[in-house]
Protein backbone atom coordinates (compact mmCIF):
# COMPACT_ATOMS: atom_id res chain seq x y z
CA MET A 1 -10.45 53.33 -180.10
CA THR A 2 -8.38 50.23 -181.49
CA VAL A 3 -6.77 48.41 -178.67
CA THR A 4 -4.31 45.64 -180.07
CA LEU A 5 -1.81 43.77 -177.66
CA GLU A 6 0.67 42.19 -179.61
CA GLY A 7 2.24 38.91 -178.35
CA VAL A 8 2.08 39.98 -174.66
CA SER A 9 2.77 38.49 -171.34
CA LYS A 10 3.06 39.67 -167.68
CA LYS A 11 5.90 37.87 -165.06
CA VAL A 12 6.59 38.91 -161.77
CA GLY A 13 9.50 37.33 -160.20
CA ALA A 14 9.59 33.73 -160.72
CA ASP A 15 5.87 34.03 -161.53
CA LEU A 16 3.95 34.00 -164.64
CA HIS A 17 0.37 36.26 -164.01
CA LEU A 18 -0.19 36.92 -167.41
CA HIS A 19 1.10 33.74 -170.71
CA PRO A 20 1.44 35.60 -174.14
CA LEU A 21 -1.63 36.68 -175.58
CA SER A 22 -2.82 38.65 -178.84
CA LEU A 23 -6.07 40.25 -178.59
CA ALA A 24 -7.43 43.08 -180.48
CA LEU A 25 -10.41 45.08 -179.44
CA GLN A 26 -12.06 46.51 -181.94
CA PRO A 27 -13.87 50.55 -181.27
CA GLY A 28 -16.78 51.56 -179.76
CA THR A 29 -17.02 47.54 -178.51
CA PHE A 30 -18.28 46.12 -175.08
CA ASN A 31 -15.96 43.69 -174.09
CA VAL A 32 -16.09 41.17 -171.11
CA LEU A 33 -13.21 39.63 -169.85
CA LEU A 34 -14.56 36.43 -167.95
CA GLY A 35 -12.27 34.08 -165.87
CA ARG A 36 -12.26 33.45 -162.16
CA THR A 37 -10.42 34.95 -159.35
CA LEU A 38 -6.31 34.82 -160.11
CA ALA A 39 -7.34 34.37 -163.50
CA GLY A 40 -5.54 37.50 -164.78
CA LYS A 41 -8.06 39.67 -165.57
CA THR A 42 -6.84 42.42 -163.14
CA THR A 43 -3.39 41.77 -164.65
CA LEU A 44 -4.40 42.24 -168.33
CA MET A 45 -6.59 45.59 -167.42
CA ARG A 46 -3.17 47.20 -165.60
CA LEU A 47 -1.20 45.93 -168.76
CA LEU A 48 -4.12 48.12 -170.85
CA ALA A 49 -4.87 51.32 -168.44
CA GLY A 50 -0.33 51.40 -168.65
CA LEU A 51 -0.39 51.32 -164.42
CA ASP A 52 2.18 48.15 -165.58
CA ALA A 53 4.02 47.17 -168.54
CA PRO A 54 4.72 44.02 -170.18
CA SER A 55 7.36 41.81 -169.64
CA ALA A 56 7.28 41.39 -173.37
CA GLY A 57 4.67 42.38 -176.32
CA ARG A 58 3.31 45.37 -177.26
CA VAL A 59 0.19 47.59 -176.46
CA LEU A 60 -0.75 49.62 -179.35
CA GLU A 61 -4.12 53.23 -179.22
CA ASN A 62 -5.55 53.39 -182.95
CA GLY A 63 -2.20 51.49 -184.45
CA LYS A 64 0.48 53.25 -181.52
CA ASP A 65 3.00 51.76 -179.70
CA VAL A 66 1.73 52.95 -176.22
CA THR A 67 3.66 49.38 -174.46
CA GLY A 68 5.83 51.93 -172.25
CA ALA A 69 3.81 55.04 -172.07
CA PRO A 70 2.20 56.26 -168.65
CA VAL A 71 -1.96 56.06 -168.29
CA ARG A 72 -1.10 60.14 -167.67
CA GLN A 73 -0.87 60.17 -171.11
CA ARG A 74 -3.80 57.99 -172.74
CA ASP A 75 -6.93 58.47 -173.12
CA ILE A 76 -8.66 56.02 -170.64
CA ALA A 77 -10.92 55.93 -167.80
CA MET A 78 -10.83 52.75 -165.49
CA VAL A 79 -13.04 51.83 -162.59
CA TYR A 80 -11.84 49.53 -159.78
CA GLN A 81 -14.07 47.18 -157.96
CA GLN A 82 -13.27 48.76 -154.77
CA PHE A 83 -14.63 52.45 -155.04
CA ILE A 84 -11.71 55.35 -155.16
CA ASN A 85 -13.08 58.89 -155.06
CA TYR A 86 -11.89 62.02 -153.95
CA PRO A 87 -12.45 62.92 -149.96
CA ALA A 88 -12.30 66.03 -149.30
CA MET A 89 -14.41 66.74 -152.56
CA SER A 90 -18.17 66.57 -153.11
CA VAL A 91 -19.83 63.89 -154.94
CA TYR A 92 -20.85 66.56 -158.05
CA ASP A 93 -16.94 68.13 -157.73
CA ASN A 94 -15.82 64.46 -157.86
CA ILE A 95 -17.65 63.80 -160.83
CA ALA A 96 -17.26 67.29 -162.55
CA SER A 97 -13.58 66.99 -162.10
CA PRO A 98 -12.38 65.74 -165.45
CA LEU A 99 -14.91 68.03 -166.96
CA ARG A 100 -12.72 70.52 -165.76
CA ARG A 101 -9.77 69.28 -166.87
CA GLN A 102 -11.02 68.96 -169.90
CA GLY A 103 -11.86 72.95 -170.03
CA LYS A 104 -15.73 72.39 -170.53
CA SER A 105 -17.32 75.24 -169.78
CA ALA A 106 -19.68 75.28 -166.63
CA THR A 107 -23.40 74.94 -167.71
CA GLU A 108 -22.02 72.25 -169.67
CA ILE A 109 -20.39 70.17 -166.91
CA ASP A 110 -23.48 70.76 -165.18
CA ALA A 111 -25.45 69.28 -167.39
CA GLN A 112 -23.09 66.47 -168.17
CA VAL A 113 -22.96 65.69 -163.90
CA ARG A 114 -26.54 66.13 -163.34
CA ARG A 115 -27.34 63.67 -166.59
CA THR A 116 -25.03 60.89 -165.18
CA ALA A 117 -25.65 61.42 -161.59
CA ASP A 118 -29.28 60.29 -162.59
CA MET A 119 -28.60 57.29 -164.59
CA LEU A 120 -26.79 56.46 -161.24
CA ARG A 121 -29.46 56.93 -159.23
CA ILE A 122 -27.09 59.56 -157.04
CA THR A 123 -28.39 63.09 -157.93
CA PRO A 124 -29.88 63.54 -154.36
CA TYR A 125 -26.61 63.02 -153.08
CA LEU A 126 -24.45 65.39 -155.14
CA GLY A 127 -23.86 67.54 -152.20
CA ARG A 128 -22.62 64.97 -150.02
CA LEU A 129 -18.82 64.21 -149.26
CA PRO A 130 -18.17 60.96 -150.50
CA ALA A 131 -17.75 59.91 -146.52
CA GLU A 132 -21.60 60.71 -146.07
CA LEU A 133 -22.64 57.46 -148.54
CA SER A 134 -22.82 53.95 -148.67
CA GLY A 135 -20.57 51.39 -150.14
CA GLY A 136 -22.82 51.11 -152.85
CA GLN A 137 -23.54 55.08 -153.42
CA GLN A 138 -19.31 55.42 -153.39
CA GLN A 139 -19.29 53.41 -156.18
CA ARG A 140 -21.61 54.57 -158.15
CA CYS A 141 -19.95 58.42 -157.95
CA ALA A 142 -16.52 56.82 -158.71
CA ILE A 143 -18.59 54.80 -161.99
CA ALA A 144 -20.02 58.38 -162.91
CA ARG A 145 -16.66 59.85 -162.91
CA ALA A 146 -15.59 57.72 -165.14
CA LEU A 147 -18.28 57.84 -167.80
CA VAL A 148 -18.56 61.41 -167.73
CA LYS A 149 -14.87 61.69 -168.95
CA ASN A 150 -16.04 60.32 -172.54
CA ALA A 151 -12.24 58.29 -172.61
CA GLY A 152 -11.35 56.37 -176.03
CA LEU A 153 -10.95 53.29 -174.05
CA LEU A 154 -13.29 52.17 -170.65
CA LEU A 155 -11.91 49.87 -168.47
CA LEU A 156 -14.59 48.70 -165.57
CA ASP A 157 -13.08 45.60 -163.37
CA GLU A 158 -16.00 44.19 -162.02
CA PRO A 159 -17.96 47.71 -161.04
CA LEU A 160 -21.43 46.33 -159.77
CA VAL A 161 -19.62 43.69 -156.85
CA ASN A 162 -20.27 45.92 -154.40
CA LEU A 163 -23.48 47.17 -155.50
CA ASP A 164 -27.10 45.71 -153.97
CA TYR A 165 -28.69 43.02 -155.99
CA LYS A 166 -31.91 45.05 -157.30
CA LEU A 167 -29.61 47.84 -158.49
CA ARG A 168 -26.41 45.33 -160.20
CA GLU A 169 -29.36 43.98 -162.03
CA GLU A 170 -30.57 47.38 -163.48
CA LEU A 171 -27.35 48.76 -163.72
CA ARG A 172 -26.11 45.64 -165.99
CA ALA A 173 -29.08 46.22 -168.24
CA GLU A 174 -28.26 49.60 -168.19
CA LEU A 175 -24.50 49.95 -168.98
CA ARG A 176 -25.04 48.11 -172.44
CA ASP A 177 -27.12 50.63 -173.74
CA ILE A 178 -24.92 53.78 -172.17
CA PHE A 179 -22.26 52.40 -174.74
CA ALA A 180 -24.55 51.38 -177.41
CA ASP A 181 -23.66 54.74 -179.34
CA GLY A 182 -20.07 53.41 -180.06
CA LYS A 183 -18.34 56.19 -179.21
CA THR A 184 -16.47 54.28 -176.18
CA THR A 185 -14.22 50.78 -176.43
CA VAL A 186 -15.52 49.37 -173.02
CA VAL A 187 -13.59 46.36 -171.31
CA TYR A 188 -15.72 45.11 -168.14
CA ALA A 189 -13.94 42.52 -165.47
CA THR A 190 -16.53 39.75 -164.55
CA THR A 191 -16.30 36.41 -162.66
CA GLU A 192 -20.17 35.62 -163.24
CA PRO A 193 -20.68 33.72 -166.34
CA GLN A 194 -24.40 35.17 -165.95
CA GLU A 195 -23.22 38.80 -165.96
CA ALA A 196 -20.99 38.13 -169.18
CA LEU A 197 -24.29 36.82 -170.84
CA ILE A 198 -26.35 39.64 -170.02
CA LEU A 199 -23.99 42.09 -170.97
CA GLY A 200 -22.89 40.71 -174.57
CA GLY A 201 -21.09 42.13 -177.02
CA ALA A 202 -18.08 39.88 -177.16
CA VAL A 203 -15.95 37.82 -174.26
CA THR A 204 -12.51 36.90 -173.61
CA VAL A 205 -12.07 33.75 -171.28
CA LEU A 206 -8.94 34.12 -168.94
CA HIS A 207 -8.13 30.67 -166.49
CA GLU A 208 -4.94 30.84 -164.83
CA GLY A 209 -3.20 33.66 -166.76
CA ARG A 210 -4.00 32.18 -169.95
CA LEU A 211 -6.60 33.37 -173.28
CA LEU A 212 -8.75 30.55 -173.82
CA GLN A 213 -11.21 32.04 -176.09
CA THR A 214 -12.79 35.06 -177.52
CA GLY A 215 -15.11 35.85 -179.71
CA PRO A 216 -18.97 36.91 -179.57
CA THR A 217 -20.63 36.08 -176.21
CA ASN A 218 -23.32 34.14 -176.68
CA ALA A 219 -21.01 32.14 -179.40
CA VAL A 220 -18.67 31.11 -177.27
CA PHE A 221 -20.93 30.31 -174.32
CA GLN A 222 -22.65 28.04 -177.78
CA ALA A 223 -19.53 26.41 -177.99
CA PRO A 224 -16.72 26.58 -175.54
CA ALA A 225 -13.34 25.82 -177.84
CA THR A 226 -12.68 23.17 -174.84
CA GLU A 227 -13.38 21.29 -171.36
CA GLU A 228 -11.69 24.31 -169.65
CA CYS A 229 -13.47 27.46 -171.38
CA ALA A 230 -16.93 25.72 -170.82
CA SER A 231 -15.86 24.90 -167.21
CA VAL A 232 -15.62 28.63 -166.73
CA PHE A 233 -18.05 29.51 -169.06
CA SER A 234 -20.81 27.96 -166.92
CA ASP A 235 -22.23 28.70 -163.34
CA PRO A 236 -21.75 26.14 -161.45
CA PRO A 237 -18.64 24.35 -163.89
CA MET A 238 -20.14 21.92 -166.80
CA ASN A 239 -20.78 18.37 -165.24
CA VAL A 240 -18.30 16.07 -167.82
CA LEU A 241 -18.25 12.29 -167.35
CA GLU A 242 -16.52 10.05 -169.41
CA ALA A 243 -18.05 8.14 -172.32
CA ILE A 244 -17.84 5.68 -174.92
CA LEU A 245 -19.57 6.97 -178.61
CA THR A 246 -21.23 4.57 -180.90
CA ASN A 247 -22.89 5.37 -184.07
CA ASP A 248 -26.64 5.53 -182.68
CA ARG A 249 -25.70 6.23 -178.91
CA VAL A 250 -22.78 7.73 -176.45
CA ALA A 251 -22.44 5.22 -172.84
CA LEU A 252 -21.18 6.48 -169.71
CA SER A 253 -19.33 4.18 -166.97
CA ASP A 254 -22.20 3.55 -165.46
CA GLY A 255 -24.10 2.06 -168.28
CA THR A 256 -26.03 4.90 -168.77
CA SER A 257 -27.15 5.38 -172.74
CA LEU A 258 -28.01 8.44 -174.38
CA PRO A 259 -29.22 8.46 -177.49
CA LEU A 260 -27.52 10.65 -180.05
CA SER A 261 -28.94 13.75 -181.41
CA ALA A 262 -28.71 15.76 -184.60
CA HIS A 263 -25.94 17.52 -183.51
CA ASP A 264 -23.64 14.42 -182.85
CA ARG A 265 -24.08 11.99 -185.38
CA ASN A 266 -21.70 10.82 -187.72
CA LEU A 267 -18.66 11.61 -185.21
CA PRO A 268 -16.34 9.03 -185.45
CA ALA A 269 -17.13 5.97 -182.35
CA GLY A 270 -14.62 5.58 -179.73
CA PRO A 271 -13.41 7.40 -176.32
CA CYS A 272 -14.75 10.66 -175.14
CA ARG A 273 -15.92 12.69 -172.41
CA VAL A 274 -19.91 14.87 -172.53
CA GLY A 275 -20.36 17.51 -170.99
CA ILE A 276 -23.55 18.88 -169.64
CA ARG A 277 -24.63 22.00 -167.98
CA ALA A 278 -26.41 21.77 -164.39
CA ASN A 279 -29.22 23.36 -164.96
CA HIS A 280 -29.94 20.44 -167.84
CA LEU A 281 -29.98 17.73 -165.29
CA THR A 282 -33.49 18.37 -164.07
CA VAL A 283 -35.19 16.22 -161.06
CA LEU A 284 -38.19 16.16 -162.80
CA ARG A 285 -38.66 13.78 -166.38
CA ARG A 286 -40.45 16.41 -168.53
CA SER A 287 -40.21 14.65 -171.23
CA ASP A 288 -39.57 10.85 -172.47
CA ARG A 289 -36.47 11.68 -174.53
CA LEU A 290 -34.40 12.57 -171.13
CA VAL A 291 -32.51 9.49 -169.96
CA PRO A 292 -31.89 9.19 -166.02
CA ILE A 293 -29.09 9.37 -164.00
CA THR A 294 -28.38 7.85 -161.20
CA GLY A 295 -26.23 9.17 -158.35
CA ARG A 296 -25.88 9.45 -153.97
CA VAL A 297 -26.67 13.23 -152.95
CA GLU A 298 -23.33 14.85 -150.74
CA LEU A 299 -24.86 18.60 -150.89
CA SER A 300 -28.08 20.46 -151.48
CA GLU A 301 -27.23 24.27 -152.08
CA ILE A 302 -29.50 26.31 -151.64
CA SER A 303 -28.83 29.91 -153.52
CA GLY A 304 -31.74 31.75 -153.96
CA SER A 305 -35.19 30.63 -155.36
CA GLU A 306 -32.74 27.54 -156.87
CA THR A 307 -31.35 24.33 -154.69
CA PHE A 308 -28.19 22.77 -156.29
CA ILE A 309 -27.53 19.37 -156.16
CA HIS A 310 -24.46 17.61 -155.89
CA LEU A 311 -24.56 14.47 -156.91
CA ARG A 312 -21.97 10.93 -156.61
CA HIS A 313 -21.80 9.23 -159.79
CA GLY A 314 -19.28 6.50 -159.96
CA ASN A 315 -16.03 8.71 -159.47
CA THR A 316 -16.92 11.87 -160.64
CA THR A 317 -19.59 14.76 -158.86
CA LEU A 318 -22.07 15.81 -160.63
CA ILE A 319 -24.63 19.38 -159.67
CA ALA A 320 -28.34 19.22 -160.84
CA ARG A 321 -29.85 22.52 -160.60
CA GLU A 322 -33.52 22.38 -159.82
CA ASP A 323 -35.89 25.06 -159.62
CA GLY A 324 -37.04 26.06 -155.70
CA VAL A 325 -35.81 25.45 -152.34
CA HIS A 326 -36.12 21.84 -151.86
CA THR A 327 -34.22 19.37 -149.35
CA HIS A 328 -32.75 16.15 -150.08
CA PRO A 329 -30.73 13.80 -147.74
CA ILE A 330 -27.16 13.14 -148.03
CA GLY A 331 -26.22 9.55 -148.78
CA SER A 332 -30.08 9.23 -150.56
CA GLU A 333 -29.98 7.82 -154.44
CA ILE A 334 -31.86 10.18 -156.58
CA GLN A 335 -32.26 9.72 -160.20
CA VAL A 336 -32.10 13.35 -162.34
CA TYR A 337 -32.76 13.54 -166.04
CA ALA A 338 -30.18 14.15 -168.99
CA ASP A 339 -31.41 16.07 -172.48
CA PRO A 340 -29.78 13.76 -175.21
CA ASP A 341 -30.30 17.01 -177.52
CA ARG A 342 -28.55 20.02 -174.35
CA ILE A 343 -25.05 17.37 -174.27
CA PHE A 344 -21.87 18.78 -175.71
CA VAL A 345 -19.37 16.20 -176.50
CA PHE A 346 -15.60 16.56 -175.86
CA SER A 347 -12.31 14.43 -177.27
CA THR A 348 -10.22 12.52 -174.47
CA ALA A 349 -7.45 15.75 -174.74
CA GLY A 350 -10.82 18.02 -173.70
CA ASP A 351 -11.33 19.97 -177.00
CA LEU A 352 -14.56 20.46 -178.42
CA VAL A 353 -16.19 17.81 -181.06
CA ALA A 354 -19.85 18.84 -181.01
CA ALA A 355 -22.03 20.93 -179.56
CA PRO A 356 -25.57 21.46 -179.27
CA GLN A 357 -27.74 23.68 -182.02
CA GLY A 358 -25.60 21.86 -184.78
CA ARG A 359 -21.81 23.96 -183.68
CA ARG A 360 -18.86 21.76 -184.11
CA GLY A 361 -15.77 21.23 -183.99
CA MET A 362 -12.95 21.04 -186.98
CA LEU A 363 -11.83 17.33 -184.79
CA ARG A 364 -11.52 14.71 -187.08
CA ASN A 365 -10.94 12.32 -184.26
CA ILE A 366 -12.43 12.15 -180.99
CA ALA A 367 -9.55 10.32 -179.09
């Protein structure tokens, strides 16, 4: 199914939840909506589903205007972050319900229900009621019911958030294979940049109701069009520093000087802003080319097998990622190391000028 949004916006009272945007989803593609909480992802999902009508603009499916059409008249399936199942029906009957409405034979229904249940690891629970399942199992039941429908448009609103870590990781990888046949157009909402990268496909980055950038997921990650998009598509948000660009190097406000790499040479001299992702600031100096940046520790945040070090550098807080579990005394001065080959250069207005791997913005001037 081809889905096209033309100048769509959504206003609730005096609040504009979704600024005017246009977007085209090609048939059989996997599309990720990436944005923080309140970015507008669920609002956009509800407009795609027909649960809400846009305040302005049009929604088209295969070229047909369905802006005012109710959800029951659309070829869609949707899975919410909070699982929704029929409480009086067994897991088997929950999954089978869309197929029965489609008039499938009992043999075909049984085969599809069991195949989908096996894929989602819920075959042992087919005879149970949803209330007899754990939260994660109930969510898998809801996902199975949506998958088995084989709708032209499948909307997944953070569907894995209630699952345990191991199953979430497994299903992320499997979802790509499930939709590899290109029969269904999929829209998947997430707050996690890493999840967007794992899922691949195309990404639409949203922030505070605005569409920042859309394109192939890896391409947008490697070359975010703006500083704002780079911040959303980095976890933790990209570090950004004021700098001055000269002919052969970029100087930070504290005097730290980074030599220019191939991707940022021949740019016009002048003020700019330098972006460095947290995983490109290291505590260990693994190469002579890495440049030290000094800061005072504000916090050592341990997350699983990683430590995120928050540093005060001048008027800016930097975040560096360190493998393993480490503690750094608050207030202590340490050095982290930046790789000049991995820095992004933005104009003072926040537009991308140069990105690693030779991807450049289209600006002629930095200021």
